[in-house]
């Protein structure tokens, strides 16, 4: 039974790696554009007053969650593509203007940074190895996948913020 489980696990890991290895630049661009549109729906759905909303005192506000998402978009994409981020580390999250218009602009611009820099890459460059944040060896493709996972995670967390503000979250955009 243990051997069967091990074999199944290895097959799943190999299958997911193979599927990821076949993702091309054009596919990544399409996914990031869809994700940007989806995030924009979240930004638009929250009323101005909800940008300061914190579900509990120790949690980030809605604005802070999305600024954190944007900060990571710049950091991951910069590391993956070799393009210098226009913001210093922590600069976006420390931004004092947490208005709806400013946060929306900063977040959507972070998606543009990711998308524009992916477009400059070739499919072959996606397989080049980098040292992510000076610690982790991974392909550029994997670094961009980690960024995609991160932004989806934090956008997903803000679903609760919308509900607490009495707003129905946008419908999921898988395709």
C-alpha atoms as a PDB file:
ATOM      1  CA  UNK A   1       0.000   0.000   0.000  1.00  0.00           C
ATOM      2  CA  UNK A   2       2.838   2.415   0.865  1.00  0.00           C
ATOM      3  CA  UNK A   3       4.581   1.692  -2.445  1.00  0.00           C
ATOM      4  CA  UNK A   4       1.376   2.324  -4.382  1.00  0.00           C
ATOM      5  CA  UNK A   5       0.911   5.675  -2.612  1.00  0.00           C
ATOM      6  CA  UNK A   6       4.522   6.618  -3.289  1.00  0.00           C
ATOM      7  CA  UNK A   7       4.208   5.752  -6.982  1.00  0.00           C
ATOM      8  CA  UNK A   8       0.967   7.734  -7.278  1.00  0.00           C
ATOM      9  CA  UNK A   9       2.541  10.728  -5.549  1.00  0.00           C
ATOM     10  CA  UNK A  10       5.580  10.620  -7.830  1.00  0.00           C
ATOM     11  CA  UNK A  11       3.341  10.387 -10.909  1.00  0.00           C
ATOM     12  CA  UNK A  12       1.345  13.415  -9.787  1.00  0.00           C
ATOM     13  CA  UNK A  13       4.497  15.436  -9.147  1.00  0.00           C
ATOM     14  CA  UNK A  14       6.014  14.487 -12.490  1.00  0.00           C
ATOM     15  CA  UNK A  15       2.749  15.217 -14.290  1.00  0.00           C
ATOM     16  CA  UNK A  16       2.426  18.668 -12.742  1.00  0.00           C
ATOM     17  CA  UNK A  17       6.063  19.460 -13.579  1.00  0.00           C
ATOM     18  CA  UNK A  18       5.521  18.362 -17.186  1.00  0.00           C
ATOM     19  CA  UNK A  19       2.362  20.454 -17.474  1.00  0.00           C
ATOM     20  CA  UNK A  20       4.117  23.483 -16.049  1.00  0.00           C
ATOM     21  CA  UNK A  21       7.095  23.015 -18.384  1.00  0.00           C
ATOM     22  CA  UNK A  22       4.769  23.312 -21.373  1.00  0.00           C
ATOM     23  CA  UNK A  23       3.382  26.697 -20.348  1.00  0.00           C
ATOM     24  CA  UNK A  24       4.618  29.278 -22.851  1.00  0.00           C
ATOM     25  CA  UNK A  25       5.133  33.030 -22.536  1.00  0.00           C
ATOM     26  CA  UNK A  26       1.846  33.650 -24.359  1.00  0.00           C
ATOM     27  CA  UNK A  27       0.014  31.427 -21.846  1.00  0.00           C
ATOM     28  CA  UNK A  28       1.547  33.284 -18.910  1.00  0.00           C
ATOM     29  CA  UNK A  29       0.611  36.651 -20.380  1.00  0.00           C
ATOM     30  CA  UNK A  30      -2.976  35.502 -20.888  1.00  0.00           C
ATOM     31  CA  UNK A  31      -3.215  34.213 -17.293  1.00  0.00           C
ATOM     32  CA  UNK A  32      -1.726  37.413 -15.843  1.00  0.00           C
ATOM     33  CA  UNK A  33      -4.062  39.602 -17.907  1.00  0.00           C
ATOM     34  CA  UNK A  34      -7.034  37.570 -16.648  1.00  0.00           C
ATOM     35  CA  UNK A  35      -5.775  37.846 -13.089  1.00  0.00           C
ATOM     36  CA  UNK A  36      -5.323  41.604 -13.440  1.00  0.00           C
ATOM     37  CA  UNK A  37      -8.930  41.951 -14.649  1.00  0.00           C
ATOM     38  CA  UNK A  38     -10.134  39.784 -11.761  1.00  0.00           C
ATOM     39  CA  UNK A  39      -8.172  41.819  -9.209  1.00  0.00           C
ATOM     40  CA  UNK A  40      -9.550  45.030 -10.714  1.00  0.00           C
ATOM     41  CA  UNK A  41     -13.062  43.695 -10.059  1.00  0.00           C
ATOM     42  CA  UNK A  42     -12.110  43.258  -6.386  1.00  0.00           C
ATOM     43  CA  UNK A  43     -10.629  46.755  -6.217  1.00  0.00           C
ATOM     44  CA  UNK A  44     -13.737  48.232  -7.870  1.00  0.00           C
ATOM     45  CA  UNK A  45     -16.168  46.241  -5.722  1.00  0.00           C
ATOM     46  CA  UNK A  46     -14.871  47.520  -2.396  1.00  0.00           C
ATOM     47  CA  UNK A  47     -16.303  50.923  -1.462  1.00  0.00           C
ATOM     48  CA  UNK A  48     -13.802  53.636  -0.506  1.00  0.00           C
ATOM     49  CA  UNK A  49     -14.665  53.203   3.189  1.00  0.00           C
ATOM     50  CA  UNK A  50     -13.778  49.502   2.997  1.00  0.00           C
ATOM     51  CA  UNK A  51     -10.154  50.138   2.069  1.00  0.00           C
ATOM     52  CA  UNK A  52      -9.373  50.743   5.761  1.00  0.00           C
ATOM     53  CA  UNK A  53     -11.339  47.665   6.886  1.00  0.00           C
ATOM     54  CA  UNK A  54      -9.439  45.197   9.086  1.00  0.00           C
ATOM     55  CA  UNK A  55     -11.262  41.998  10.079  1.00  0.00           C
ATOM     56  CA  UNK A  56      -9.222  41.977  13.317  1.00  0.00           C
ATOM     57  CA  UNK A  57      -6.758  44.567  14.665  1.00  0.00           C
ATOM     58  CA  UNK A  58      -3.679  42.449  13.933  1.00  0.00           C
ATOM     59  CA  UNK A  59      -4.630  41.805  10.304  1.00  0.00           C
ATOM     60  CA  UNK A  60      -3.799  43.970   7.306  1.00  0.00           C
ATOM     61  CA  UNK A  61      -6.477  46.312   6.023  1.00  0.00           C
ATOM     62  CA  UNK A  62      -7.999  45.653   2.602  1.00  0.00           C
ATOM     63  CA  UNK A  63      -5.683  48.323   1.145  1.00  0.00           C
ATOM     64  CA  UNK A  64      -2.648  46.827   2.894  1.00  0.00           C
ATOM     65  CA  UNK A  65      -3.446  43.334   1.591  1.00  0.00           C
ATOM     66  CA  UNK A  66      -3.543  44.617  -1.954  1.00  0.00           C
ATOM     67  CA  UNK A  67      -0.431  46.760  -1.548  1.00  0.00           C
ATOM     68  CA  UNK A  68       1.336  43.653  -0.224  1.00  0.00           C
ATOM     69  CA  UNK A  69       0.167  41.770  -3.324  1.00  0.00           C
ATOM     70  CA  UNK A  70       1.542  44.565  -5.537  1.00  0.00           C
ATOM     71  CA  UNK A  71       4.837  44.670  -3.647  1.00  0.00           C
ATOM     72  CA  UNK A  72       5.326  40.955  -4.227  1.00  0.00           C
ATOM     73  CA  UNK A  73       4.388  41.267  -7.911  1.00  0.00           C
ATOM     74  CA  UNK A  74       7.269  43.705  -8.352  1.00  0.00           C
ATOM     75  CA  UNK A  75       9.708  41.633  -6.278  1.00  0.00           C
ATOM     76  CA  UNK A  76       8.994  38.287  -7.941  1.00  0.00           C
ATOM     77  CA  UNK A  77       8.803  39.669 -11.488  1.00  0.00           C
ATOM     78  CA  UNK A  78      11.948  41.705 -10.987  1.00  0.00           C
ATOM     79  CA  UNK A  79      13.844  38.625  -9.788  1.00  0.00           C
ATOM     80  CA  UNK A  80      12.419  36.424 -12.549  1.00  0.00           C
ATOM     81  CA  UNK A  81      12.985  38.809 -15.431  1.00  0.00           C
ATOM     82  CA  UNK A  82      16.051  40.727 -14.281  1.00  0.00           C
ATOM     83  CA  UNK A  83      14.208  44.036 -14.618  1.00  0.00           C
ATOM     84  CA  UNK A  84      14.749  46.471 -11.751  1.00  0.00           C
ATOM     85  CA  UNK A  85      11.613  47.234  -9.780  1.00  0.00           C
ATOM     86  CA  UNK A  86      10.636  50.918  -9.745  1.00  0.00           C
ATOM     87  CA  UNK A  87       9.983  50.569  -5.989  1.00  0.00           C
ATOM     88  CA  UNK A  88      12.325  49.818  -3.117  1.00  0.00           C
ATOM     89  CA  UNK A  89      11.644  46.902  -0.793  1.00  0.00           C
ATOM     90  CA  UNK A  90       8.678  47.687   1.452  1.00  0.00           C
ATOM     91  CA  UNK A  91       7.992  51.018  -0.230  1.00  0.00           C
ATOM     92  CA  UNK A  92       4.491  50.172  -1.447  1.00  0.00           C
ATOM     93  CA  UNK A  93       3.362  48.609   1.803  1.00  0.00           C
ATOM     94  CA  UNK A  94       4.542  51.709   3.707  1.00  0.00           C
ATOM     95  CA  UNK A  95       2.628  54.023   1.364  1.00  0.00           C
ATOM     96  CA  UNK A  96       0.513  56.395   3.437  1.00  0.00           C
ATOM     97  CA  UNK A  97      -2.076  57.071   0.699  1.00  0.00           C
ATOM     98  CA  UNK A  98      -4.395  54.092   1.045  1.00  0.00           C
ATOM     99  CA  UNK A  99      -7.251  55.663  -0.902  1.00  0.00           C
ATOM    100  CA  UNK A 100      -9.178  53.533  -3.353  1.00  0.00           C
ATOM    101  CA  UNK A 101      -7.844  55.412  -6.386  1.00  0.00           C
ATOM    102  CA  UNK A 102      -4.191  55.278  -5.289  1.00  0.00           C
ATOM    103  CA  UNK A 103      -4.241  51.636  -4.192  1.00  0.00           C
ATOM    104  CA  UNK A 104      -6.063  50.619  -7.376  1.00  0.00           C
ATOM    105  CA  UNK A 105      -3.505  52.450  -9.499  1.00  0.00           C
ATOM    106  CA  UNK A 106      -0.520  50.941  -7.659  1.00  0.00           C
ATOM    107  CA  UNK A 107      -1.913  47.406  -7.752  1.00  0.00           C
ATOM    108  CA  UNK A 108      -2.927  47.458 -11.415  1.00  0.00           C
ATOM    109  CA  UNK A 109       0.417  48.995 -12.376  1.00  0.00           C
ATOM    110  CA  UNK A 110       2.150  46.082 -10.622  1.00  0.00           C
ATOM    111  CA  UNK A 111       0.280  43.704 -12.921  1.00  0.00           C
ATOM    112  CA  UNK A 112       1.396  45.767 -15.921  1.00  0.00           C
ATOM    113  CA  UNK A 113       4.998  45.432 -14.718  1.00  0.00           C
ATOM    114  CA  UNK A 114       4.673  41.644 -14.553  1.00  0.00           C
ATOM    115  CA  UNK A 115       2.877  41.349 -17.899  1.00  0.00           C
ATOM    116  CA  UNK A 116       5.168  43.744 -19.779  1.00  0.00           C
ATOM    117  CA  UNK A 117       8.288  41.970 -18.535  1.00  0.00           C
ATOM    118  CA  UNK A 118       6.973  38.482 -19.288  1.00  0.00           C
ATOM    119  CA  UNK A 119       6.237  39.657 -22.839  1.00  0.00           C
ATOM    120  CA  UNK A 120       9.939  40.528 -23.234  1.00  0.00           C
ATOM    121  CA  UNK A 121      10.973  36.945 -22.433  1.00  0.00           C
ATOM    122  CA  UNK A 122      11.362  34.002 -24.775  1.00  0.00           C
ATOM    123  CA  UNK A 123       9.951  30.576 -24.002  1.00  0.00           C
ATOM    124  CA  UNK A 124      13.538  29.307 -23.561  1.00  0.00           C
ATOM    125  CA  UNK A 125      14.298  32.000 -20.956  1.00  0.00           C
ATOM    126  CA  UNK A 126      11.500  30.637 -18.765  1.00  0.00           C
ATOM    127  CA  UNK A 127      13.666  27.567 -18.109  1.00  0.00           C
ATOM    128  CA  UNK A 128      16.746  29.526 -17.057  1.00  0.00           C
ATOM    129  CA  UNK A 129      17.681  29.089 -13.401  1.00  0.00           C
ATOM    130  CA  UNK A 130      17.857  32.027 -11.026  1.00  0.00           C
ATOM    131  CA  UNK A 131      18.549  32.386  -7.323  1.00  0.00           C
ATOM    132  CA  UNK A 132      15.276  33.735  -5.980  1.00  0.00           C
ATOM    133  CA  UNK A 133      15.757  36.308  -3.227  1.00  0.00           C
ATOM    134  CA  UNK A 134      19.362  35.127  -2.891  1.00  0.00           C
ATOM    135  CA  UNK A 135      18.232  31.801  -1.398  1.00  0.00           C
ATOM    136  CA  UNK A 136      16.239  29.538  -3.683  1.00  0.00           C
ATOM    137  CA  UNK A 137      17.396  28.047  -6.979  1.00  0.00           C
ATOM    138  CA  UNK A 138      14.475  27.811  -9.388  1.00  0.00           C
ATOM    139  CA  UNK A 139      13.536  28.407 -12.982  1.00  0.00           C
ATOM    140  CA  UNK A 140      12.185  31.778 -14.027  1.00  0.00           C
ATOM    141  CA  UNK A 141       8.976  29.933 -14.901  1.00  0.00           C
ATOM    142  CA  UNK A 142       8.713  28.656 -11.317  1.00  0.00           C
ATOM    143  CA  UNK A 143       9.410  32.118  -9.880  1.00  0.00           C
ATOM    144  CA  UNK A 144       6.542  33.535 -11.948  1.00  0.00           C
ATOM    145  CA  UNK A 145       4.332  30.624 -10.858  1.00  0.00           C
ATOM    146  CA  UNK A 146       5.140  31.408  -7.217  1.00  0.00           C
ATOM    147  CA  UNK A 147       4.185  35.038  -7.820  1.00  0.00           C
ATOM    148  CA  UNK A 148       0.934  33.962  -9.454  1.00  0.00           C
ATOM    149  CA  UNK A 149       0.183  31.719  -6.464  1.00  0.00           C
ATOM    150  CA  UNK A 150       0.989  34.556  -4.043  1.00  0.00           C
ATOM    151  CA  UNK A 151      -1.258  37.143  -5.689  1.00  0.00           C
ATOM    152  CA  UNK A 152      -4.123  34.655  -5.962  1.00  0.00           C
ATOM    153  CA  UNK A 153      -3.722  33.793  -2.281  1.00  0.00           C
ATOM    154  CA  UNK A 154      -3.921  37.402  -1.118  1.00  0.00           C
ATOM    155  CA  UNK A 155      -6.710  38.364  -3.502  1.00  0.00           C
ATOM    156  CA  UNK A 156      -8.614  35.328  -2.202  1.00  0.00           C
ATOM    157  CA  UNK A 157      -8.150  36.511   1.371  1.00  0.00           C
ATOM    158  CA  UNK A 158      -9.830  39.791   0.487  1.00  0.00           C
ATOM    159  CA  UNK A 159     -13.046  37.922  -0.320  1.00  0.00           C
ATOM    160  CA  UNK A 160     -13.706  37.944   3.426  1.00  0.00           C
ATOM    161  CA  UNK A 161     -13.109  41.719   3.547  1.00  0.00           C
ATOM    162  CA  UNK A 162     -15.685  42.262   0.805  1.00  0.00           C
ATOM    163  CA  UNK A 163     -18.218  40.088   2.642  1.00  0.00           C
ATOM    164  CA  UNK A 164     -17.599  41.993   5.885  1.00  0.00           C
ATOM    165  CA  UNK A 165     -18.230  45.244   3.985  1.00  0.00           C
ATOM    166  CA  UNK A 166     -21.556  43.828   2.744  1.00  0.00           C
ATOM    167  CA  UNK A 167     -20.280  43.404  -0.823  1.00  0.00           C
ATOM    168  CA  UNK A 168     -20.773  40.313  -2.981  1.00  0.00           C
ATOM    169  CA  UNK A 169     -17.349  39.263  -4.308  1.00  0.00           C
ATOM    170  CA  UNK A 170     -16.808  39.064  -8.073  1.00  0.00           C
ATOM    171  CA  UNK A 171     -17.464  35.731  -9.776  1.00  0.00           C
ATOM    172  CA  UNK A 172     -14.330  33.622 -10.251  1.00  0.00           C
ATOM    173  CA  UNK A 173     -12.424  33.995 -13.503  1.00  0.00           C
ATOM    174  CA  UNK A 174     -10.756  30.653 -14.218  1.00  0.00           C
ATOM    175  CA  UNK A 175     -10.742  31.103 -17.982  1.00  0.00           C
END
